[in-house]
Structures are given as C-alpha cells and as structure tokens.
N, C-alpha and C. Protein backbone atom coordinates (compact mmCIF):
# COMPACT_ATOMS: atom_id res chain seq x y z
N MET A 1 116.29 144.00 -18.53
CA MET A 1 116.84 143.57 -17.25
C MET A 1 117.63 142.28 -17.49
N THR A 2 118.81 142.22 -16.95
CA THR A 2 119.66 141.05 -17.13
C THR A 2 119.22 139.93 -16.19
N SER A 3 119.72 138.73 -16.46
CA SER A 3 119.37 137.61 -15.59
C SER A 3 119.87 137.83 -14.17
N SER A 4 121.02 138.54 -14.03
CA SER A 4 121.50 138.82 -12.68
C SER A 4 120.59 139.83 -11.99
N ALA A 5 120.02 140.77 -12.73
CA ALA A 5 119.07 141.72 -12.15
C ALA A 5 117.78 141.00 -11.76
N LEU A 6 117.34 140.09 -12.61
CA LEU A 6 116.15 139.30 -12.28
C LEU A 6 116.38 138.52 -10.99
N ALA A 7 117.56 137.96 -10.85
CA ALA A 7 117.87 137.15 -9.67
C ALA A 7 117.83 137.97 -8.38
N LYS A 8 117.96 139.29 -8.50
CA LYS A 8 117.95 140.16 -7.31
C LYS A 8 116.55 140.63 -6.93
N LEU A 9 115.54 140.30 -7.74
CA LEU A 9 114.18 140.70 -7.40
C LEU A 9 113.73 140.02 -6.11
N PRO A 10 112.98 140.73 -5.27
CA PRO A 10 112.47 140.07 -4.07
C PRO A 10 111.47 138.99 -4.43
N LEU A 11 111.39 137.98 -3.57
CA LEU A 11 110.46 136.87 -3.76
C LEU A 11 109.58 136.74 -2.53
N PRO A 12 108.41 136.13 -2.68
CA PRO A 12 107.60 135.86 -1.49
C PRO A 12 108.35 134.94 -0.53
N GLU A 13 108.06 135.09 0.74
CA GLU A 13 108.65 134.21 1.75
C GLU A 13 108.14 132.79 1.54
N PRO A 14 108.99 131.78 1.74
CA PRO A 14 108.50 130.40 1.66
C PRO A 14 107.40 130.17 2.70
N THR A 15 106.51 129.26 2.39
CA THR A 15 105.46 128.88 3.32
C THR A 15 105.90 127.60 4.04
N GLY A 16 105.02 126.99 4.76
CA GLY A 16 105.37 125.75 5.43
C GLY A 16 105.78 124.63 4.49
N ARG A 17 105.18 124.63 3.29
CA ARG A 17 105.45 123.53 2.35
C ARG A 17 105.96 123.98 0.99
N LEU A 18 105.91 125.28 0.70
CA LEU A 18 106.14 125.75 -0.66
C LEU A 18 107.15 126.89 -0.75
N ARG A 19 107.77 126.98 -1.93
CA ARG A 19 108.61 128.11 -2.29
C ARG A 19 108.07 128.66 -3.62
N LEU A 20 108.01 129.98 -3.74
CA LEU A 20 107.64 130.64 -4.98
C LEU A 20 108.91 131.26 -5.53
N ARG A 21 109.25 130.92 -6.77
CA ARG A 21 110.51 131.37 -7.36
C ARG A 21 110.30 131.78 -8.80
N LEU A 22 111.30 132.44 -9.36
CA LEU A 22 111.24 132.85 -10.75
C LEU A 22 111.25 131.63 -11.67
N PRO A 23 110.54 131.72 -12.79
CA PRO A 23 110.60 130.65 -13.79
C PRO A 23 112.00 130.56 -14.40
N LYS A 24 112.37 129.35 -14.80
CA LYS A 24 113.65 129.10 -15.47
C LYS A 24 113.36 128.30 -16.73
N LEU A 25 114.26 128.37 -17.69
CA LEU A 25 114.08 127.60 -18.92
C LEU A 25 113.99 126.10 -18.64
N LYS A 26 114.66 125.64 -17.59
CA LYS A 26 114.60 124.22 -17.26
C LYS A 26 113.20 123.80 -16.78
N ASP A 27 112.31 124.77 -16.56
CA ASP A 27 110.92 124.47 -16.18
C ASP A 27 110.03 124.17 -17.38
N ALA A 28 110.60 124.12 -18.58
CA ALA A 28 109.79 123.97 -19.79
C ALA A 28 108.90 122.73 -19.76
N ARG A 29 109.41 121.61 -19.30
CA ARG A 29 108.60 120.38 -19.26
C ARG A 29 107.40 120.56 -18.33
N PHE A 30 107.64 121.21 -17.17
CA PHE A 30 106.56 121.50 -16.24
C PHE A 30 105.52 122.42 -16.89
N TYR A 31 105.98 123.49 -17.54
CA TYR A 31 105.06 124.41 -18.21
C TYR A 31 104.26 123.70 -19.29
N LEU A 32 104.91 122.84 -20.03
CA LEU A 32 104.21 122.09 -21.08
C LEU A 32 103.06 121.30 -20.47
N ALA A 33 103.30 120.63 -19.35
CA ALA A 33 102.24 119.86 -18.68
C ALA A 33 101.15 120.79 -18.14
N LEU A 34 101.53 121.84 -17.44
CA LEU A 34 100.54 122.73 -16.81
C LEU A 34 99.66 123.42 -17.85
N LEU A 35 100.28 123.97 -18.88
CA LEU A 35 99.53 124.75 -19.87
C LEU A 35 98.61 123.88 -20.73
N ASN A 36 98.76 122.57 -20.63
CA ASN A 36 97.89 121.65 -21.36
C ASN A 36 96.93 120.90 -20.46
N GLU A 37 96.88 121.26 -19.18
CA GLU A 37 95.89 120.69 -18.28
C GLU A 37 94.50 121.10 -18.77
N PRO A 38 93.53 120.19 -18.76
CA PRO A 38 92.19 120.54 -19.22
C PRO A 38 91.60 121.76 -18.49
N ASP A 39 91.79 121.87 -17.17
CA ASP A 39 91.26 123.03 -16.44
C ASP A 39 91.97 124.32 -16.83
N TYR A 40 93.26 124.26 -17.14
CA TYR A 40 93.98 125.46 -17.57
C TYR A 40 93.39 125.95 -18.88
N ILE A 41 93.22 125.05 -19.81
CA ILE A 41 92.66 125.42 -21.11
C ILE A 41 91.22 125.91 -20.96
N ARG A 42 90.44 125.25 -20.14
CA ARG A 42 89.03 125.61 -19.97
C ARG A 42 88.84 126.93 -19.24
N PHE A 43 89.55 127.12 -18.12
CA PHE A 43 89.29 128.27 -17.26
C PHE A 43 90.24 129.45 -17.47
N ILE A 44 91.40 129.23 -18.09
CA ILE A 44 92.35 130.33 -18.26
C ILE A 44 92.50 130.64 -19.74
N THR A 45 93.21 129.81 -20.47
CA THR A 45 93.36 130.02 -21.91
C THR A 45 94.09 128.83 -22.52
N ASP A 46 93.95 128.69 -23.80
CA ASP A 46 94.76 127.72 -24.53
C ASP A 46 95.93 128.49 -25.12
N THR A 47 97.10 128.31 -24.55
CA THR A 47 98.30 129.03 -24.98
C THR A 47 98.88 128.47 -26.28
N LYS A 48 98.40 127.30 -26.69
CA LYS A 48 98.91 126.61 -27.88
C LYS A 48 100.35 126.14 -27.70
N VAL A 49 100.80 126.03 -26.46
CA VAL A 49 102.12 125.49 -26.16
C VAL A 49 102.00 123.97 -26.22
N ARG A 50 102.71 123.35 -27.18
CA ARG A 50 102.58 121.91 -27.39
C ARG A 50 103.90 121.16 -27.42
N THR A 51 105.01 121.90 -27.34
CA THR A 51 106.32 121.26 -27.37
C THR A 51 107.22 121.89 -26.31
N ILE A 52 108.32 121.23 -26.01
CA ILE A 52 109.29 121.79 -25.08
C ILE A 52 109.80 123.13 -25.62
N ARG A 53 110.05 123.19 -26.90
CA ARG A 53 110.56 124.44 -27.50
C ARG A 53 109.55 125.58 -27.33
N THR A 54 108.26 125.32 -27.55
CA THR A 54 107.28 126.41 -27.38
C THR A 54 107.07 126.73 -25.89
N ALA A 55 107.29 125.75 -25.02
CA ALA A 55 107.23 126.03 -23.59
C ALA A 55 108.40 126.93 -23.18
N GLU A 56 109.59 126.69 -23.71
CA GLU A 56 110.73 127.56 -23.44
C GLU A 56 110.46 128.97 -23.96
N ALA A 57 109.87 129.05 -25.14
CA ALA A 57 109.53 130.37 -25.69
C ALA A 57 108.50 131.08 -24.83
N PHE A 58 107.54 130.34 -24.30
CA PHE A 58 106.53 130.92 -23.41
C PHE A 58 107.21 131.54 -22.18
N ILE A 59 108.16 130.82 -21.61
CA ILE A 59 108.87 131.33 -20.44
C ILE A 59 109.65 132.60 -20.81
N LYS A 60 110.36 132.57 -21.94
CA LYS A 60 111.17 133.70 -22.38
C LYS A 60 110.34 134.92 -22.79
N VAL A 61 109.24 134.68 -23.49
CA VAL A 61 108.48 135.76 -24.10
C VAL A 61 107.31 136.24 -23.25
N ARG A 62 106.72 135.36 -22.45
CA ARG A 62 105.53 135.75 -21.69
C ARG A 62 105.77 135.84 -20.19
N SER A 63 106.52 134.91 -19.63
CA SER A 63 106.68 134.89 -18.17
C SER A 63 107.75 135.87 -17.68
N LEU A 64 108.96 135.70 -18.12
CA LEU A 64 110.07 136.52 -17.62
C LEU A 64 109.91 138.01 -17.94
N PRO A 65 109.38 138.39 -19.11
CA PRO A 65 109.22 139.83 -19.36
C PRO A 65 108.31 140.55 -18.36
N ARG A 66 107.34 139.85 -17.78
CA ARG A 66 106.49 140.49 -16.75
C ARG A 66 107.34 140.88 -15.54
N PHE A 67 108.23 139.98 -15.16
CA PHE A 67 109.12 140.29 -14.03
C PHE A 67 110.06 141.43 -14.39
N GLU A 68 110.56 141.42 -15.62
CA GLU A 68 111.46 142.48 -16.06
C GLU A 68 110.77 143.84 -16.05
N LYS A 69 109.53 143.88 -16.49
CA LYS A 69 108.81 145.15 -16.60
C LYS A 69 108.21 145.61 -15.27
N TYR A 70 107.63 144.69 -14.50
CA TYR A 70 106.88 145.08 -13.32
C TYR A 70 107.49 144.63 -11.99
N GLY A 71 108.50 143.78 -12.02
CA GLY A 71 109.07 143.26 -10.79
C GLY A 71 108.25 142.15 -10.15
N THR A 72 107.22 141.73 -10.84
CA THR A 72 106.36 140.66 -10.36
C THR A 72 105.75 139.94 -11.56
N GLY A 73 105.18 138.81 -11.30
CA GLY A 73 104.57 138.00 -12.35
C GLY A 73 104.08 136.71 -11.71
N LEU A 74 104.02 135.66 -12.49
CA LEU A 74 103.60 134.36 -11.97
C LEU A 74 104.84 133.53 -11.64
N TRP A 75 105.06 133.37 -10.34
CA TRP A 75 106.19 132.58 -9.88
C TRP A 75 105.88 131.09 -10.04
N VAL A 76 106.91 130.29 -10.18
CA VAL A 76 106.76 128.83 -10.15
C VAL A 76 106.62 128.45 -8.68
N VAL A 77 105.65 127.62 -8.38
CA VAL A 77 105.43 127.13 -7.02
C VAL A 77 106.03 125.73 -6.96
N GLU A 78 106.97 125.56 -6.04
CA GLU A 78 107.58 124.25 -5.89
C GLU A 78 107.48 123.79 -4.44
N ARG A 79 107.42 122.47 -4.28
CA ARG A 79 107.39 121.90 -2.93
C ARG A 79 108.76 122.05 -2.31
N LEU A 80 108.79 122.45 -1.05
CA LEU A 80 110.06 122.59 -0.34
C LEU A 80 110.76 121.25 -0.15
N ASP A 81 110.00 120.20 0.11
CA ASP A 81 110.62 118.91 0.41
C ASP A 81 111.24 118.23 -0.79
N THR A 82 110.69 118.46 -1.99
CA THR A 82 111.19 117.77 -3.17
C THR A 82 111.76 118.69 -4.25
N GLY A 83 111.43 119.99 -4.20
CA GLY A 83 111.83 120.92 -5.26
C GLY A 83 110.99 120.75 -6.51
N GLU A 84 109.98 119.90 -6.46
CA GLU A 84 109.12 119.62 -7.61
C GLU A 84 108.20 120.81 -7.90
N PRO A 85 108.20 121.33 -9.16
CA PRO A 85 107.25 122.38 -9.49
C PRO A 85 105.84 121.79 -9.61
N ILE A 86 104.88 122.45 -8.96
CA ILE A 86 103.51 121.92 -8.94
C ILE A 86 102.47 122.92 -9.44
N GLY A 87 102.88 124.18 -9.62
CA GLY A 87 101.94 125.19 -10.07
C GLY A 87 102.62 126.52 -10.28
N ILE A 88 101.80 127.51 -10.59
CA ILE A 88 102.26 128.89 -10.71
C ILE A 88 101.31 129.76 -9.89
N CYS A 89 101.84 130.82 -9.35
CA CYS A 89 101.02 131.74 -8.56
C CYS A 89 101.75 133.06 -8.50
N GLY A 90 100.98 134.15 -8.56
CA GLY A 90 101.62 135.44 -8.43
C GLY A 90 100.70 136.59 -8.75
N LEU A 91 101.32 137.70 -9.09
CA LEU A 91 100.62 138.96 -9.30
C LEU A 91 100.85 139.43 -10.73
N ILE A 92 99.78 139.61 -11.46
CA ILE A 92 99.84 140.00 -12.86
C ILE A 92 99.40 141.45 -12.97
N VAL A 93 100.26 142.29 -13.52
CA VAL A 93 99.89 143.67 -13.78
C VAL A 93 99.26 143.71 -15.16
N ARG A 94 98.02 144.18 -15.21
CA ARG A 94 97.29 144.31 -16.48
C ARG A 94 96.93 145.77 -16.66
N GLU A 95 97.21 146.31 -17.82
CA GLU A 95 96.92 147.72 -18.10
C GLU A 95 95.44 148.04 -17.89
N GLU A 96 94.58 147.07 -18.10
CA GLU A 96 93.13 147.31 -18.02
C GLU A 96 92.58 147.31 -16.60
N LEU A 97 93.39 146.94 -15.64
CA LEU A 97 92.94 146.87 -14.25
C LEU A 97 93.66 147.91 -13.40
N ASP A 98 92.99 148.38 -12.35
CA ASP A 98 93.55 149.41 -11.48
C ASP A 98 94.55 148.88 -10.46
N CYS A 99 94.59 147.57 -10.26
CA CYS A 99 95.52 146.99 -9.30
C CYS A 99 95.94 145.61 -9.82
N PRO A 100 97.05 145.07 -9.30
CA PRO A 100 97.50 143.76 -9.75
C PRO A 100 96.46 142.67 -9.50
N ASP A 101 96.51 141.68 -10.35
CA ASP A 101 95.57 140.56 -10.38
C ASP A 101 96.28 139.32 -9.81
N LEU A 102 95.70 138.73 -8.76
CA LEU A 102 96.22 137.47 -8.22
C LEU A 102 95.87 136.35 -9.18
N GLY A 103 96.88 135.63 -9.63
CA GLY A 103 96.64 134.51 -10.54
C GLY A 103 97.31 133.26 -10.03
N TYR A 104 96.76 132.11 -10.39
CA TYR A 104 97.34 130.83 -9.97
C TYR A 104 96.78 129.72 -10.85
N ALA A 105 97.57 128.65 -10.94
CA ALA A 105 97.15 127.43 -11.64
C ALA A 105 98.05 126.31 -11.12
N PHE A 106 97.45 125.14 -10.93
CA PHE A 106 98.20 124.00 -10.41
C PHE A 106 97.90 122.76 -11.23
N LEU A 107 98.87 121.86 -11.27
CA LEU A 107 98.66 120.59 -11.93
C LEU A 107 97.48 119.88 -11.27
N ALA A 108 96.68 119.19 -12.04
CA ALA A 108 95.48 118.53 -11.51
C ALA A 108 95.82 117.56 -10.38
N ALA A 109 96.95 116.90 -10.47
CA ALA A 109 97.35 115.95 -9.42
C ALA A 109 97.58 116.64 -8.08
N GLN A 110 97.72 117.95 -8.07
CA GLN A 110 97.98 118.70 -6.84
C GLN A 110 96.73 119.38 -6.27
N HIS A 111 95.61 119.27 -6.97
CA HIS A 111 94.37 119.89 -6.49
C HIS A 111 93.93 119.23 -5.18
N GLY A 112 93.26 120.03 -4.34
CA GLY A 112 92.69 119.51 -3.10
C GLY A 112 93.67 119.32 -1.96
N LYS A 113 94.87 119.83 -2.09
CA LYS A 113 95.89 119.67 -1.06
C LYS A 113 96.20 120.98 -0.32
N GLY A 114 95.47 122.04 -0.66
CA GLY A 114 95.67 123.33 -0.01
C GLY A 114 96.84 124.13 -0.56
N TYR A 115 97.46 123.68 -1.64
CA TYR A 115 98.62 124.39 -2.19
C TYR A 115 98.24 125.75 -2.77
N ALA A 116 97.11 125.84 -3.46
CA ALA A 116 96.70 127.13 -4.04
C ALA A 116 96.47 128.16 -2.94
N ARG A 117 95.81 127.75 -1.88
CA ARG A 117 95.56 128.66 -0.74
C ARG A 117 96.88 129.11 -0.12
N GLU A 118 97.79 128.19 0.06
CA GLU A 118 99.08 128.49 0.69
C GLU A 118 99.92 129.43 -0.19
N ALA A 119 99.99 129.13 -1.47
CA ALA A 119 100.76 129.98 -2.39
C ALA A 119 100.11 131.35 -2.54
N ALA A 120 98.79 131.38 -2.64
CA ALA A 120 98.09 132.66 -2.76
C ALA A 120 98.32 133.51 -1.52
N GLY A 121 98.33 132.88 -0.35
CA GLY A 121 98.61 133.62 0.88
C GLY A 121 99.99 134.27 0.84
N ALA A 122 100.98 133.55 0.30
CA ALA A 122 102.33 134.11 0.18
C ALA A 122 102.35 135.27 -0.80
N ALA A 123 101.62 135.15 -1.90
CA ALA A 123 101.56 136.23 -2.90
C ALA A 123 100.84 137.46 -2.32
N ILE A 124 99.79 137.23 -1.55
CA ILE A 124 99.06 138.34 -0.92
C ILE A 124 99.97 139.05 0.08
N ALA A 125 100.70 138.30 0.88
CA ALA A 125 101.63 138.90 1.85
C ALA A 125 102.70 139.71 1.11
N PHE A 126 103.20 139.20 0.00
CA PHE A 126 104.19 139.90 -0.81
C PHE A 126 103.60 141.23 -1.31
N ALA A 127 102.37 141.19 -1.80
CA ALA A 127 101.72 142.40 -2.30
C ALA A 127 101.59 143.45 -1.20
N ARG A 128 101.24 143.00 -0.02
CA ARG A 128 101.02 143.92 1.10
C ARG A 128 102.35 144.41 1.68
N GLU A 129 103.29 143.50 1.94
CA GLU A 129 104.50 143.84 2.68
C GLU A 129 105.65 144.35 1.81
N ILE A 130 105.82 143.80 0.63
CA ILE A 130 106.93 144.19 -0.23
C ILE A 130 106.51 145.26 -1.23
N MET A 131 105.37 145.06 -1.88
CA MET A 131 104.91 146.01 -2.88
C MET A 131 104.14 147.18 -2.26
N LYS A 132 103.74 147.02 -0.99
CA LYS A 132 103.00 148.06 -0.26
C LYS A 132 101.69 148.45 -0.95
N LEU A 133 101.00 147.45 -1.52
CA LEU A 133 99.73 147.70 -2.18
C LEU A 133 98.61 147.81 -1.16
N ASP A 134 97.58 148.55 -1.51
CA ASP A 134 96.43 148.66 -0.60
C ASP A 134 95.27 147.76 -1.04
N ARG A 135 95.39 147.14 -2.24
CA ARG A 135 94.35 146.20 -2.68
C ARG A 135 94.87 145.35 -3.83
N LEU A 136 94.23 144.22 -3.98
CA LEU A 136 94.48 143.31 -5.10
C LEU A 136 93.15 142.98 -5.74
N CYS A 137 93.20 142.52 -6.96
CA CYS A 137 92.00 141.99 -7.59
C CYS A 137 92.30 140.59 -8.10
N ALA A 138 91.27 139.93 -8.54
CA ALA A 138 91.41 138.62 -9.19
C ALA A 138 90.29 138.51 -10.21
N ILE A 139 90.62 137.94 -11.34
CA ILE A 139 89.61 137.70 -12.37
C ILE A 139 89.61 136.21 -12.66
N ILE A 140 88.41 135.67 -12.79
CA ILE A 140 88.29 134.23 -13.07
C ILE A 140 87.17 133.99 -14.06
N ASP A 141 87.22 132.86 -14.71
CA ASP A 141 86.15 132.43 -15.59
C ASP A 141 84.88 132.28 -14.76
N PRO A 142 83.74 132.77 -15.25
CA PRO A 142 82.49 132.69 -14.47
C PRO A 142 82.09 131.26 -14.07
N ASP A 143 82.58 130.25 -14.77
CA ASP A 143 82.24 128.87 -14.45
C ASP A 143 83.22 128.22 -13.47
N ASN A 144 84.25 128.94 -13.06
CA ASN A 144 85.28 128.36 -12.20
C ASN A 144 84.87 128.50 -10.73
N GLU A 145 83.99 127.62 -10.30
CA GLU A 145 83.46 127.67 -8.94
C GLU A 145 84.52 127.40 -7.88
N ARG A 146 85.47 126.51 -8.18
CA ARG A 146 86.53 126.19 -7.22
C ARG A 146 87.37 127.44 -6.91
N SER A 147 87.72 128.20 -7.95
CA SER A 147 88.49 129.43 -7.73
C SER A 147 87.66 130.49 -7.03
N ALA A 148 86.38 130.59 -7.36
CA ALA A 148 85.51 131.56 -6.68
C ALA A 148 85.47 131.29 -5.19
N LYS A 149 85.39 130.02 -4.82
CA LYS A 149 85.35 129.66 -3.39
C LYS A 149 86.68 130.00 -2.73
N LEU A 150 87.79 129.68 -3.38
CA LEU A 150 89.10 129.98 -2.81
C LEU A 150 89.26 131.49 -2.61
N LEU A 151 88.91 132.27 -3.61
CA LEU A 151 89.05 133.72 -3.49
C LEU A 151 88.20 134.27 -2.34
N THR A 152 86.99 133.78 -2.22
CA THR A 152 86.12 134.21 -1.13
C THR A 152 86.73 133.83 0.21
N ASP A 153 87.25 132.61 0.31
CA ASP A 153 87.90 132.16 1.55
C ASP A 153 89.13 133.01 1.89
N LEU A 154 89.79 133.56 0.87
CA LEU A 154 90.98 134.40 1.07
C LEU A 154 90.61 135.86 1.38
N GLY A 155 89.32 136.15 1.43
CA GLY A 155 88.90 137.51 1.77
C GLY A 155 88.62 138.41 0.58
N PHE A 156 88.60 137.87 -0.62
CA PHE A 156 88.24 138.65 -1.80
C PHE A 156 86.72 138.79 -1.84
N ILE A 157 86.27 139.91 -2.35
CA ILE A 157 84.84 140.20 -2.46
C ILE A 157 84.48 140.30 -3.94
N ARG A 158 83.46 139.55 -4.32
CA ARG A 158 83.01 139.57 -5.72
C ARG A 158 82.44 140.96 -6.02
N ASP A 159 82.86 141.52 -7.16
CA ASP A 159 82.41 142.86 -7.54
C ASP A 159 82.03 142.88 -9.02
N GLY A 160 81.08 142.04 -9.37
CA GLY A 160 80.56 142.03 -10.74
C GLY A 160 81.47 141.33 -11.73
N GLN A 161 81.37 141.79 -12.97
CA GLN A 161 82.16 141.19 -14.04
C GLN A 161 82.87 142.29 -14.82
N ARG A 162 83.95 141.91 -15.48
CA ARG A 162 84.71 142.82 -16.32
C ARG A 162 85.00 142.11 -17.64
N ARG A 163 84.96 142.88 -18.71
CA ARG A 163 85.41 142.37 -20.00
C ARG A 163 86.78 142.99 -20.27
N LEU A 164 87.78 142.15 -20.33
CA LEU A 164 89.13 142.63 -20.60
C LEU A 164 89.49 142.30 -22.04
N GLU A 165 89.88 143.31 -22.78
CA GLU A 165 90.26 143.09 -24.18
C GLU A 165 91.47 142.17 -24.29
N SER A 166 92.38 142.26 -23.31
CA SER A 166 93.59 141.42 -23.35
C SER A 166 93.25 139.94 -23.22
N ILE A 167 92.11 139.63 -22.63
CA ILE A 167 91.67 138.25 -22.47
C ILE A 167 90.65 137.89 -23.55
N GLY A 168 89.84 138.85 -23.92
CA GLY A 168 88.85 138.62 -24.96
C GLY A 168 87.57 137.98 -24.48
N SER A 169 87.33 138.04 -23.16
CA SER A 169 86.10 137.46 -22.63
C SER A 169 85.71 138.17 -21.34
N VAL A 170 84.53 137.84 -20.86
CA VAL A 170 84.04 138.39 -19.60
C VAL A 170 84.52 137.51 -18.46
N SER A 171 85.01 138.16 -17.40
CA SER A 171 85.49 137.45 -16.22
C SER A 171 84.75 137.95 -14.99
N ASP A 172 84.58 137.06 -14.01
CA ASP A 172 84.11 137.50 -12.70
C ASP A 172 85.27 138.26 -12.07
N TYR A 173 84.92 139.38 -11.41
CA TYR A 173 85.93 140.26 -10.83
C TYR A 173 85.80 140.24 -9.31
N PHE A 174 86.92 140.07 -8.63
CA PHE A 174 86.98 140.06 -7.17
C PHE A 174 88.02 141.09 -6.74
N GLU A 175 87.82 141.64 -5.55
CA GLU A 175 88.80 142.58 -5.02
C GLU A 175 89.02 142.30 -3.54
N LYS A 176 90.25 142.56 -3.09
CA LYS A 176 90.61 142.34 -1.68
C LYS A 176 91.37 143.55 -1.17
N PRO A 177 90.87 144.19 -0.09
CA PRO A 177 91.65 145.26 0.53
C PRO A 177 92.84 144.67 1.28
N LEU A 178 93.95 145.37 1.24
CA LEU A 178 95.15 144.92 1.94
C LEU A 178 95.53 145.88 3.05
N SER A 179 94.59 146.68 3.48
CA SER A 179 94.87 147.67 4.52
C SER A 179 95.16 146.98 5.84
N ALA A 180 95.58 147.76 6.81
CA ALA A 180 95.94 147.22 8.13
C ALA A 180 94.81 146.41 8.74
N CYS A 181 93.57 146.81 8.48
CA CYS A 181 92.45 146.07 9.08
C CYS A 181 92.28 144.69 8.45
N ALA A 182 92.83 144.48 7.25
CA ALA A 182 92.72 143.18 6.59
C ALA A 182 93.90 142.26 6.92
N CYS A 183 94.92 142.79 7.59
CA CYS A 183 96.15 142.02 7.82
C CYS A 183 95.98 140.85 8.77
N GLY A 184 95.02 140.92 9.65
CA GLY A 184 94.88 139.88 10.67
C GLY A 184 94.06 138.69 10.22
N GLU A 185 93.64 138.66 8.96
CA GLU A 185 92.80 137.55 8.50
C GLU A 185 93.59 136.26 8.48
N ALA A 186 92.95 135.19 8.85
CA ALA A 186 93.60 133.86 8.89
C ALA A 186 94.06 133.46 7.50
N GLY A 187 95.18 132.79 7.44
CA GLY A 187 95.69 132.26 6.17
C GLY A 187 96.33 133.29 5.29
N GLN A 188 96.51 134.51 5.74
CA GLN A 188 97.10 135.54 4.90
C GLN A 188 98.53 135.68 5.21
C-alpha cells in the first residue's frame, strides 16, 4: 500500500481533547520515549528501540505494515490543542485471536488524565461503526491492575488467560461485545 493509500484509510473521530492518526517517521522521537517508558517495558514488551534510527525502523517495519495489511493498527494519540503526541491506541489484528485486540500505551506524564479512556472510546467506536465488528478483545499483563480497571470500566469482561506465541507469555484476556445493546454504554 502506498503512502497515498495509507492516507485514505478511515480514522477514528476526534474526541473532545484528542485525535488518533497514523504514525509518521517524524514521530520517531516520541516513539523512542514511549517504547522506553518503564511501564511499557514492564507491561508490554522491551522493543529494544534505543535510538532515533531504530524508532524510525519500528514505525516503518512494525507500525505502518499493520495498517497496510489490516487497515488498522495503533494510531498515534495527540492532543487537539497542541498537536503533541502523548500515546498510542488502536486495534491490533493478531492471528492467534478471534477478534481485534484493543491496545494502548501512554507516556507516564500523561497518566491519570483520562486520555487512555478517551482514546480507547474512540477506537471502540471505530471498531463498531467503521469496521462493523461485533466484539473486541484486549490482552494485558496479569500484573497490570490499572489497565484491568480501565478495561472493566469500558465494559470489557475478563475471560481467563491466554498464552499467545507471538507474545511469548500468558496474558489476562478480556472481551467486549459491540452489539446494539452495548452501544448505549457511557464513555463509548
């Protein structure tokens, strides 16, 4: 898919404070900071991205190809008022799962401001309204209590654990129905 084709992909609607957009190579400095946050390494993975050059490669090789292949991935979350990138959020298609996985990560300085909830709500609406999905899942590290609470607040239901070979560890598994009866939930 060409960059012009990528630019034509639908995006989630902006929220009151945030825009979710495709990653760009100019986001490398932001990715370098995010991927080296202690919580990112602890709860998601250590990508071994340590330089601007490896951050650019991460965007080219890991982020953009998901959009090219599936039409979705982890969008960069930026503040509407400043354009500052503060996190990533989106839908990850994993061969090992029956439905897309809601994923998100934010810079530590942005925690506790409701940004993850707001961005996740936009991604959920995109899944329901644009992708016409009937359910989403989410996988998190079993020790990530903050994410477990957020997912529960967003209407996800814990459904045991899954071991995904692509991750190489056991994750807590959550699922959320996106049917018409789930559309009226607050914050969605």
